[in-house]
Amino acid sequence: MGTAVLGGLLGLALVAFGARILLRRRAPALIERSFRSAREAGCYHLLFGLAVLLFVAGARLPGARSGQATAVLAVALVGVAVVRFRPRGRRRDDE
């Protein structure tokens, strides 16, 4: 049970962090340098947080199919986050 709670808390923290970035339209400096925009940083963290929450919740649901379905959905969310919103590396100051 401890791992599920820790995973859930981590997922909630990522969702809250991503939502905060999206609402404020500003990310911390270290994170903002790694993404093209604050929107991309917020979406990246939000999708990863949702994926962690889905994965943890799916592991706790009864039945094999429900766990598999949520795991596939979580992997799809991570795929979207990595392909569409991945960090681009540090931007140079002269750009």
PDB file of N, CA and C in Angstrom:
ATOM      1  N   MET A   1       0.824  -1.205   0.000  1.00  0.00           N
ATOM      2  CA  MET A   1       0.000   0.000   0.000  1.00  0.00           C
ATOM      3  C   MET A   1       0.857   1.254   0.000  1.00  0.00           C
ATOM      4  N   GLY A   2       2.041   1.228   0.574  1.00  0.00           N
ATOM      5  CA  GLY A   2       2.899   2.394   0.650  1.00  0.00           C
ATOM      6  C   GLY A   2       3.339   2.885  -0.717  1.00  0.00           C
ATOM      7  N   THR A   3       3.641   1.959  -1.627  1.00  0.00           N
ATOM      8  CA  THR A   3       4.071   2.344  -2.969  1.00  0.00           C
ATOM      9  C   THR A   3       2.940   3.017  -3.729  1.00  0.00           C
ATOM     10  N   ALA A   4       1.728   2.523  -3.576  1.00  0.00           N
ATOM     11  CA  ALA A   4       0.580   3.126  -4.248  1.00  0.00           C
ATOM     12  C   ALA A   4       0.332   4.541  -3.733  1.00  0.00           C
ATOM     13  N   VAL A   5       0.449   4.738  -2.456  1.00  0.00           N
ATOM     14  CA  VAL A   5       0.252   6.068  -1.874  1.00  0.00           C
ATOM     15  C   VAL A   5       1.335   7.020  -2.364  1.00  0.00           C
ATOM     16  N   LEU A   6       2.574   6.566  -2.362  1.00  0.00           N
ATOM     17  CA  LEU A   6       3.677   7.394  -2.839  1.00  0.00           C
ATOM     18  C   LEU A   6       3.508   7.732  -4.320  1.00  0.00           C
ATOM     19  N   GLY A   7       3.134   6.754  -5.115  1.00  0.00           N
ATOM     20  CA  GLY A   7       2.886   7.000  -6.532  1.00  0.00           C
ATOM     21  C   GLY A   7       1.744   7.967  -6.757  1.00  0.00           C
ATOM     22  N   GLY A   8       0.672   7.821  -5.980  1.00  0.00           N
ATOM     23  CA  GLY A   8      -0.452   8.735  -6.084  1.00  0.00           C
ATOM     24  C   GLY A   8      -0.079  10.157  -5.709  1.00  0.00           C
ATOM     25  N   LEU A   9       0.706  10.297  -4.651  1.00  0.00           N
ATOM     26  CA  LEU A   9       1.152  11.632  -4.244  1.00  0.00           C
ATOM     27  C   LEU A   9       2.061  12.263  -5.295  1.00  0.00           C
ATOM     28  N   LEU A  10       2.933  11.454  -5.869  1.00  0.00           N
ATOM     29  CA  LEU A  10       3.810  11.954  -6.928  1.00  0.00           C
ATOM     30  C   LEU A  10       2.989  12.396  -8.139  1.00  0.00           C
ATOM     31  N   GLY A  11       2.011  11.589  -8.517  1.00  0.00           N
ATOM     32  CA  GLY A  11       1.139  11.950  -9.628  1.00  0.00           C
ATOM     33  C   GLY A  11       0.361  13.227  -9.359  1.00  0.00           C
ATOM     34  N   LEU A  12      -0.179  13.348  -8.156  1.00  0.00           N
ATOM     35  CA  LEU A  12      -0.906  14.565  -7.791  1.00  0.00           C
ATOM     36  C   LEU A  12       0.000  15.791  -7.810  1.00  0.00           C
ATOM     37  N   ALA A  13       1.226  15.626  -7.334  1.00  0.00           N
ATOM     38  CA  ALA A  13       2.173  16.740  -7.342  1.00  0.00           C
ATOM     39  C   ALA A  13       2.490  17.177  -8.770  1.00  0.00           C
ATOM     40  N   LEU A  14       2.685  16.222  -9.671  1.00  0.00           N
ATOM     41  CA  LEU A  14       2.964  16.565 -11.062  1.00  0.00           C
ATOM     42  C   LEU A  14       1.761  17.232 -11.731  1.00  0.00           C
ATOM     43  N   VAL A  15       0.571  16.732 -11.454  1.00  0.00           N
ATOM     44  CA  VAL A  15      -0.643  17.343 -12.013  1.00  0.00           C
ATOM     45  C   VAL A  15      -0.787  18.777 -11.504  1.00  0.00           C
ATOM     46  N   ALA A  16      -0.594  18.973 -10.208  1.00  0.00           N
ATOM     47  CA  ALA A  16      -0.721  20.312  -9.628  1.00  0.00           C
ATOM     48  C   ALA A  16       0.344  21.257 -10.191  1.00  0.00           C
ATOM     49  N   PHE A  17       1.566  20.763 -10.337  1.00  0.00           N
ATOM     50  CA  PHE A  17       2.651  21.575 -10.877  1.00  0.00           C
ATOM     51  C   PHE A  17       2.367  21.962 -12.327  1.00  0.00           C
ATOM     52  N   GLY A  18       1.937  20.996 -13.129  1.00  0.00           N
ATOM     53  CA  GLY A  18       1.605  21.281 -14.522  1.00  0.00           C
ATOM     54  C   GLY A  18       0.442  22.251 -14.649  1.00  0.00           C
ATOM     55  N   ALA A  19      -0.580  22.069 -13.820  1.00  0.00           N
ATOM     56  CA  ALA A  19      -1.732  22.972 -13.850  1.00  0.00           C
ATOM     57  C   ALA A  19      -1.326  24.381 -13.429  1.00  0.00           C
ATOM     58  N   ARG A  20      -0.462  24.477 -12.441  1.00  0.00           N
ATOM     59  CA  ARG A  20       0.014  25.790 -11.990  1.00  0.00           C
ATOM     60  C   ARG A  20       0.768  26.509 -13.101  1.00  0.00           C
ATOM     61  N   ILE A  21       1.610  25.780 -13.812  1.00  0.00           N
ATOM     62  CA  ILE A  21       2.343  26.380 -14.929  1.00  0.00           C
ATOM     63  C   ILE A  21       1.367  26.850 -16.005  1.00  0.00           C
ATOM     64  N   LEU A  22       0.386  26.032 -16.323  1.00  0.00           N
ATOM     65  CA  LEU A  22      -0.581  26.408 -17.357  1.00  0.00           C
ATOM     66  C   LEU A  22      -1.435  27.603 -16.942  1.00  0.00           C
ATOM     67  N   LEU A  23      -1.848  27.651 -15.694  1.00  0.00           N
ATOM     68  CA  LEU A  23      -2.687  28.751 -15.235  1.00  0.00           C
ATOM     69  C   LEU A  23      -1.922  30.059 -15.131  1.00  0.00           C
ATOM     70  N   ARG A  24      -0.694  30.000 -14.643  1.00  0.00           N
ATOM     71  CA  ARG A  24       0.109  31.218 -14.485  1.00  0.00           C
ATOM     72  C   ARG A  24       0.823  31.621 -15.766  1.00  0.00           C
ATOM     73  N   ARG A  25       0.901  30.691 -16.713  1.00  0.00           N
ATOM     74  CA  ARG A  25       1.617  30.910 -17.970  1.00  0.00           C
ATOM     75  C   ARG A  25       3.077  31.260 -17.742  1.00  0.00           C
ATOM     76  N   ARG A  26       3.625  30.691 -16.683  1.00  0.00           N
ATOM     77  CA  ARG A  26       5.027  30.923 -16.349  1.00  0.00           C
ATOM     78  C   ARG A  26       5.556  29.708 -15.601  1.00  0.00           C
ATOM     79  N   ALA A  27       6.741  29.267 -16.003  1.00  0.00           N
ATOM     80  CA  ALA A  27       7.383  28.120 -15.362  1.00  0.00           C
ATOM     81  C   ALA A  27       8.620  28.606 -14.622  1.00  0.00           C
ATOM     82  N   PRO A  28       9.104  27.823 -13.652  1.00  0.00           N
ATOM     83  CA  PRO A  28      10.383  28.179 -13.026  1.00  0.00           C
ATOM     84  C   PRO A  28      11.482  28.287 -14.090  1.00  0.00           C
ATOM     85  N   ALA A  29      12.455  29.137 -13.837  1.00  0.00           N
ATOM     86  CA  ALA A  29      13.484  29.456 -14.837  1.00  0.00           C
ATOM     87  C   ALA A  29      14.189  28.217 -15.373  1.00  0.00           C
ATOM     88  N   LEU A  30      14.563  27.306 -14.508  1.00  0.00           N
ATOM     89  CA  LEU A  30      15.277  26.102 -14.945  1.00  0.00           C
ATOM     90  C   LEU A  30      14.431  25.265 -15.888  1.00  0.00           C
ATOM     91  N   ILE A  31      13.157  25.149 -15.609  1.00  0.00           N
ATOM     92  CA  ILE A  31      12.264  24.368 -16.460  1.00  0.00           C
ATOM     93  C   ILE A  31      11.927  25.140 -17.736  1.00  0.00           C
ATOM     94  N   GLU A  32      11.737  26.431 -17.616  1.00  0.00           N
ATOM     95  CA  GLU A  32      11.372  27.233 -18.777  1.00  0.00           C
ATOM     96  C   GLU A  32      12.469  27.227 -19.844  1.00  0.00           C
ATOM     97  N   ARG A  33      13.706  27.139 -19.429  1.00  0.00           N
ATOM     98  CA  ARG A  33      14.806  27.082 -20.395  1.00  0.00           C
ATOM     99  C   ARG A  33      14.818  25.781 -21.177  1.00  0.00           C
ATOM    100  N   SER A  34      14.235  24.735 -20.633  1.00  0.00           N
ATOM    101  CA  SER A  34      14.258  23.424 -21.288  1.00  0.00           C
ATOM    102  C   SER A  34      13.121  23.215 -22.277  1.00  0.00           C
ATOM    103  N   PHE A  35      12.133  24.075 -22.262  1.00  0.00           N
ATOM    104  CA  PHE A  35      10.974  23.940 -23.137  1.00  0.00           C
ATOM    105  C   PHE A  35      10.857  25.175 -24.016  1.00  0.00           C
ATOM    106  N   ARG A  36      10.157  25.028 -25.116  1.00  0.00           N
ATOM    107  CA  ARG A  36       9.944  26.178 -26.001  1.00  0.00           C
ATOM    108  C   ARG A  36       9.039  27.222 -25.381  1.00  0.00           C
ATOM    109  N   SER A  37       8.059  26.771 -24.597  1.00  0.00           N
ATOM    110  CA  SER A  37       7.121  27.705 -23.974  1.00  0.00           C
ATOM    111  C   SER A  37       6.659  27.142 -22.638  1.00  0.00           C
ATOM    112  N   ALA A  38       6.050  28.020 -21.857  1.00  0.00           N
ATOM    113  CA  ALA A  38       5.502  27.578 -20.572  1.00  0.00           C
ATOM    114  C   ALA A  38       4.339  26.617 -20.790  1.00  0.00           C
ATOM    115  N   ARG A  39       3.595  26.798 -21.876  1.00  0.00           N
ATOM    116  CA  ARG A  39       2.483  25.899 -22.178  1.00  0.00           C
ATOM    117  C   ARG A  39       2.979  24.477 -22.389  1.00  0.00           C
ATOM    118  N   GLU A  40       4.071  24.317 -23.132  1.00  0.00           N
ATOM    119  CA  GLU A  40       4.625  22.979 -23.353  1.00  0.00           C
ATOM    120  C   GLU A  40       5.111  22.361 -22.046  1.00  0.00           C
ATOM    121  N   ALA A  41       5.739  23.160 -21.199  1.00  0.00           N
ATOM    122  CA  ALA A  41       6.206  22.651 -19.903  1.00  0.00           C
ATOM    123  C   ALA A  41       5.032  22.209 -19.043  1.00  0.00           C
ATOM    124  N   GLY A  42       3.970  23.004 -19.023  1.00  0.00           N
ATOM    125  CA  GLY A  42       2.797  22.654 -18.226  1.00  0.00           C
ATOM    126  C   GLY A  42       2.110  21.405 -18.724  1.00  0.00           C
ATOM    127  N   CYS A  43       1.950  21.298 -20.040  1.00  0.00           N
ATOM    128  CA  CYS A  43       1.310  20.107 -20.612  1.00  0.00           C
ATOM    129  C   CYS A  43       2.138  18.856 -20.357  1.00  0.00           C
ATOM    130  N   TYR A  44       3.444  18.974 -20.476  1.00  0.00           N
ATOM    131  CA  TYR A  44       4.343  17.846 -20.249  1.00  0.00           C
ATOM    132  C   TYR A  44       4.175  17.305 -18.828  1.00  0.00           C
ATOM    133  N   HIS A  45       4.240  18.179 -17.854  1.00  0.00           N
ATOM    134  CA  HIS A  45       4.122  17.741 -16.464  1.00  0.00           C
ATOM    135  C   HIS A  45       2.715  17.268 -16.134  1.00  0.00           C
ATOM    136  N   LEU A  46       1.721  17.935 -16.689  1.00  0.00           N
ATOM    137  CA  LEU A  46       0.333  17.532 -16.449  1.00  0.00           C
ATOM    138  C   LEU A  46       0.058  16.138 -17.005  1.00  0.00           C
ATOM    139  N   LEU A  47       0.494  15.872 -18.222  1.00  0.00           N
ATOM    140  CA  LEU A  47       0.267  14.551 -18.816  1.00  0.00           C
ATOM    141  C   LEU A  47       1.015  13.452 -18.065  1.00  0.00           C
ATOM    142  N   PHE A  48       2.244  13.722 -17.661  1.00  0.00           N
ATOM    143  CA  PHE A  48       2.978  12.729 -16.887  1.00  0.00           C
ATOM    144  C   PHE A  48       2.298  12.462 -15.547  1.00  0.00           C
ATOM    145  N   GLY A  49       1.808  13.501 -14.888  1.00  0.00           N
ATOM    146  CA  GLY A  49       1.102  13.320 -13.620  1.00  0.00           C
ATOM    147  C   GLY A  49      -0.174  12.516 -13.782  1.00  0.00           C
ATOM    148  N   LEU A  50      -0.934  12.815 -14.828  1.00  0.00           N
ATOM    149  CA  LEU A  50      -2.150  12.035 -15.088  1.00  0.00           C
ATOM    150  C   LEU A  50      -1.825  10.579 -15.388  1.00  0.00           C
ATOM    151  N   ALA A  51      -0.745  10.352 -16.121  1.00  0.00           N
ATOM    152  CA  ALA A  51      -0.342   8.977 -16.432  1.00  0.00           C
ATOM    153  C   ALA A  51       0.026   8.212 -15.166  1.00  0.00           C
ATOM    154  N   VAL A  52       0.750   8.848 -14.269  1.00  0.00           N
ATOM    155  CA  VAL A  52       1.116   8.182 -13.006  1.00  0.00           C
ATOM    156  C   VAL A  52      -0.136   7.883 -12.193  1.00  0.00           C
ATOM    157  N   LEU A  53      -1.046   8.840 -12.111  1.00  0.00           N
ATOM    158  CA  LEU A  53      -2.289   8.610 -11.366  1.00  0.00           C
ATOM    159  C   LEU A  53      -3.104   7.472 -11.971  1.00  0.00           C
ATOM    160  N   LEU A  54      -3.222   7.450 -13.287  1.00  0.00           N
ATOM    161  CA  LEU A  54      -3.960   6.366 -13.945  1.00  0.00           C
ATOM    162  C   LEU A  54      -3.307   5.013 -13.689  1.00  0.00           C
ATOM    163  N   PHE A  55      -2.007   4.970 -13.786  1.00  0.00           N
ATOM    164  CA  PHE A  55      -1.293   3.718 -13.591  1.00  0.00           C
ATOM    165  C   PHE A  55      -1.481   3.195 -12.164  1.00  0.00           C
ATOM    166  N   VAL A  56      -1.357   4.078 -11.194  1.00  0.00           N
ATOM    167  CA  VAL A  56      -1.528   3.676  -9.789  1.00  0.00           C
ATOM    168  C   VAL A  56      -2.971   3.261  -9.525  1.00  0.00           C
ATOM    169  N   ALA A  57      -3.927   4.040 -10.027  1.00  0.00           N
ATOM    170  CA  ALA A  57      -5.331   3.702  -9.810  1.00  0.00           C
ATOM    171  C   ALA A  57      -5.693   2.401 -10.511  1.00  0.00           C
ATOM    172  N   GLY A  58      -5.177   2.189 -11.699  1.00  0.00           N
ATOM    173  CA  GLY A  58      -5.458   0.969 -12.443  1.00  0.00           C
ATOM    174  C   GLY A  58      -4.926  -0.269 -11.758  1.00  0.00           C
ATOM    175  N   ALA A  59      -3.807  -0.128 -11.081  1.00  0.00           N
ATOM    176  CA  ALA A  59      -3.243  -1.264 -10.352  1.00  0.00           C
ATOM    177  C   ALA A  59      -4.106  -1.654  -9.163  1.00  0.00           C
ATOM    178  N   ARG A  60      -4.864  -0.706  -8.654  1.00  0.00           N
ATOM    179  CA  ARG A  60      -5.717  -0.971  -7.485  1.00  0.00           C
ATOM    180  C   ARG A  60      -7.135  -1.409  -7.859  1.00  0.00           C
ATOM    181  N   LEU A  61      -7.509  -1.267  -9.133  1.00  0.00           N
ATOM    182  CA  LEU A  61      -8.858  -1.656  -9.552  1.00  0.00           C
ATOM    183  C   LEU A  61      -8.994  -3.173  -9.615  1.00  0.00           C
ATOM    184  N   PRO A  62     -10.176  -3.698  -9.323  1.00  0.00           N
ATOM    185  CA  PRO A  62     -10.369  -5.144  -9.421  1.00  0.00           C
ATOM    186  C   PRO A  62     -10.443  -5.588 -10.884  1.00  0.00           C
ATOM    187  N   GLY A  63      -9.960  -6.774 -11.143  1.00  0.00           N
ATOM    188  CA  GLY A  63     -10.019  -7.332 -12.492  1.00  0.00           C
ATOM    189  C   GLY A  63      -8.765  -7.048 -13.290  1.00  0.00           C
ATOM    190  N   ALA A  64      -8.413  -8.002 -14.125  1.00  0.00           N
ATOM    191  CA  ALA A  64      -7.192  -7.860 -14.920  1.00  0.00           C
ATOM    192  C   ALA A  64      -7.373  -6.866 -16.059  1.00  0.00           C
ATOM    193  N   ARG A  65      -8.528  -6.849 -16.669  1.00  0.00           N
ATOM    194  CA  ARG A  65      -8.755  -5.972 -17.829  1.00  0.00           C
ATOM    195  C   ARG A  65      -8.711  -4.496 -17.469  1.00  0.00           C
ATOM    196  N   SER A  66      -9.234  -4.141 -16.310  1.00  0.00           N
ATOM    197  CA  SER A  66      -9.248  -2.731 -15.932  1.00  0.00           C
ATOM    198  C   SER A  66      -7.826  -2.213 -15.694  1.00  0.00           C
ATOM    199  N   GLY A  67      -6.999  -3.012 -15.074  1.00  0.00           N
ATOM    200  CA  GLY A  67      -5.606  -2.628 -14.868  1.00  0.00           C
ATOM    201  C   GLY A  67      -4.844  -2.501 -16.173  1.00  0.00           C
ATOM    202  N   GLN A  68      -5.088  -3.439 -17.090  1.00  0.00           N
ATOM    203  CA  GLN A  68      -4.431  -3.380 -18.395  1.00  0.00           C
ATOM    204  C   GLN A  68      -4.892  -2.173 -19.195  1.00  0.00           C
ATOM    205  N   ALA A  69      -6.169  -1.888 -19.155  1.00  0.00           N
ATOM    206  CA  ALA A  69      -6.699  -0.756 -19.916  1.00  0.00           C
ATOM    207  C   ALA A  69      -6.133   0.569 -19.409  1.00  0.00           C
ATOM    208  N   THR A  70      -6.067   0.726 -18.092  1.00  0.00           N
ATOM    209  CA  THR A  70      -5.516   1.976 -17.560  1.00  0.00           C
ATOM    210  C   THR A  70      -4.015   2.070 -17.820  1.00  0.00           C
ATOM    211  N   ALA A  71      -3.322   0.954 -17.820  1.00  0.00           N
ATOM    212  CA  ALA A  71      -1.891   0.973 -18.127  1.00  0.00           C
ATOM    213  C   ALA A  71      -1.651   1.391 -19.580  1.00  0.00           C
ATOM    214  N   VAL A  72      -2.467   0.887 -20.493  1.00  0.00           N
ATOM    215  CA  VAL A  72      -2.338   1.272 -21.902  1.00  0.00           C
ATOM    216  C   VAL A  72      -2.639   2.763 -22.062  1.00  0.00           C
ATOM    217  N   LEU A  73      -3.670   3.247 -21.378  1.00  0.00           N
ATOM    218  CA  LEU A  73      -3.995   4.669 -21.443  1.00  0.00           C
ATOM    219  C   LEU A  73      -2.867   5.522 -20.851  1.00  0.00           C
ATOM    220  N   ALA A  74      -2.273   5.064 -19.751  1.00  0.00           N
ATOM    221  CA  ALA A  74      -1.157   5.797 -19.139  1.00  0.00           C
ATOM    222  C   ALA A  74       0.040   5.849 -20.079  1.00  0.00           C
ATOM    223  N   VAL A  75       0.347   4.746 -20.733  1.00  0.00           N
ATOM    224  CA  VAL A  75       1.458   4.726 -21.687  1.00  0.00           C
ATOM    225  C   VAL A  75       1.164   5.647 -22.865  1.00  0.00           C
ATOM    226  N   ALA A  76      -0.078   5.707 -23.302  1.00  0.00           N
ATOM    227  CA  ALA A  76      -0.453   6.611 -24.393  1.00  0.00           C
ATOM    228  C   ALA A  76      -0.253   8.071 -23.980  1.00  0.00           C
ATOM    229  N   LEU A  77      -0.625   8.419 -22.753  1.00  0.00           N
ATOM    230  CA  LEU A  77      -0.415   9.783 -22.270  1.00  0.00           C
ATOM    231  C   LEU A  77       1.068  10.138 -22.205  1.00  0.00           C
ATOM    232  N   VAL A  78       1.871   9.204 -21.740  1.00  0.00           N
ATOM    233  CA  VAL A  78       3.317   9.432 -21.698  1.00  0.00           C
ATOM    234  C   VAL A  78       3.866   9.583 -23.114  1.00  0.00           C
ATOM    235  N   GLY A  79       3.351   8.783 -24.036  1.00  0.00           N
ATOM    236  CA  GLY A  79       3.791   8.894 -25.424  1.00  0.00           C
ATOM    237  C   GLY A  79       3.490  10.263 -26.003  1.00  0.00           C
ATOM    238  N   VAL A  80       2.294  10.773 -25.745  1.00  0.00           N
ATOM    239  CA  VAL A  80       1.936  12.110 -26.228  1.00  0.00           C
ATOM    240  C   VAL A  80       2.844  13.156 -25.584  1.00  0.00           C
ATOM    241  N   ALA A  81       3.088  13.028 -24.290  1.00  0.00           N
ATOM    242  CA  ALA A  81       3.930  13.996 -23.596  1.00  0.00           C
ATOM    243  C   ALA A  81       5.351  13.992 -24.154  1.00  0.00           C
ATOM    244  N   VAL A  82       5.895  12.811 -24.389  1.00  0.00           N
ATOM    245  CA  VAL A  82       7.282  12.719 -24.858  1.00  0.00           C
ATOM    246  C   VAL A  82       7.407  13.169 -26.309  1.00  0.00           C
ATOM    247  N   VAL A  83       6.462  12.796 -27.150  1.00  0.00           N
ATOM    248  CA  VAL A  83       6.569  13.136 -28.573  1.00  0.00           C
ATOM    249  C   VAL A  83       6.208  14.600 -28.820  1.00  0.00           C
ATOM    250  N   ARG A  84       5.139  15.075 -28.215  1.00  0.00           N
ATOM    251  CA  ARG A  84       4.649  16.416 -28.524  1.00  0.00           C
ATOM    252  C   ARG A  84       5.261  17.512 -27.655  1.00  0.00           C
ATOM    253  N   PHE A  85       5.466  17.238 -26.377  1.00  0.00           N
ATOM    254  CA  PHE A  85       5.863  18.294 -25.436  1.00  0.00           C
ATOM    255  C   PHE A  85       7.222  18.069 -24.792  1.00  0.00           C
ATOM    256  N   ARG A  86       8.064  17.226 -25.359  1.00  0.00           N
ATOM    257  CA  ARG A  86       9.330  16.888 -24.714  1.00  0.00           C
ATOM    258  C   ARG A  86      10.225  18.113 -24.571  1.00  0.00           C
ATOM    259  N   PRO A  87      11.113  18.090 -23.581  1.00  0.00           N
ATOM    260  CA  PRO A  87      12.075  19.184 -23.433  1.00  0.00           C
ATOM    261  C   PRO A  87      12.998  19.244 -24.650  1.00  0.00           C
ATOM    262  N   ARG A  88      13.327  20.419 -25.091  1.00  0.00           N
ATOM    263  CA  ARG A  88      14.140  20.618 -26.285  1.00  0.00           C
ATOM    264  C   ARG A  88      15.592  20.916 -25.964  1.00  0.00           C
ATOM    265  N   GLY A  89      15.956  20.924 -24.731  1.00  0.00           N
ATOM    266  CA  GLY A  89      17.323  21.314 -24.367  1.00  0.00           C
ATOM    267  C   GLY A  89      17.351  22.797 -24.050  1.00  0.00           C
ATOM    268  N   ARG A  90      18.461  23.216 -23.548  1.00  0.00           N
ATOM    269  CA  ARG A  90      18.579  24.622 -23.142  1.00  0.00           C
ATOM    270  C   ARG A  90      18.640  25.543 -24.342  1.00  0.00           C
ATOM    271  N   ARG A  91      17.928  26.644 -24.226  1.00  0.00           N
ATOM    272  CA  ARG A  91      17.977  27.675 -25.261  1.00  0.00           C
ATOM    273  C   ARG A  91      19.196  28.549 -25.027  1.00  0.00           C
ATOM    274  N   ARG A  92      19.766  29.001 -26.098  1.00  0.00           N
ATOM    275  CA  ARG A  92      20.900  29.931 -25.960  1.00  0.00           C
ATOM    276  C   ARG A  92      20.376  31.321 -25.691  1.00  0.00           C
ATOM    277  N   ASP A  93      21.165  32.119 -25.028  1.00  0.00           N
ATOM    278  CA  ASP A  93      20.737  33.479 -24.660  1.00  0.00           C
ATOM    279  C   ASP A  93      20.608  34.405 -25.862  1.00  0.00           C
ATOM    280  N   ASP A  94      21.354  34.137 -26.958  1.00  0.00           N
ATOM    281  CA  ASP A  94      21.326  35.037 -28.099  1.00  0.00           C
ATOM    282  C   ASP A  94      20.160  34.757 -29.042  1.00  0.00           C
ATOM    283  N   GLU A  95      19.290  33.812 -28.719  1.00  0.00           N
ATOM    284  CA  GLU A  95      18.131  33.527 -29.585  1.00  0.00           C
ATOM    285  C   GLU A  95      16.949  34.369 -29.204  1.00  0.00           C
TER     286      GLU A  95
END
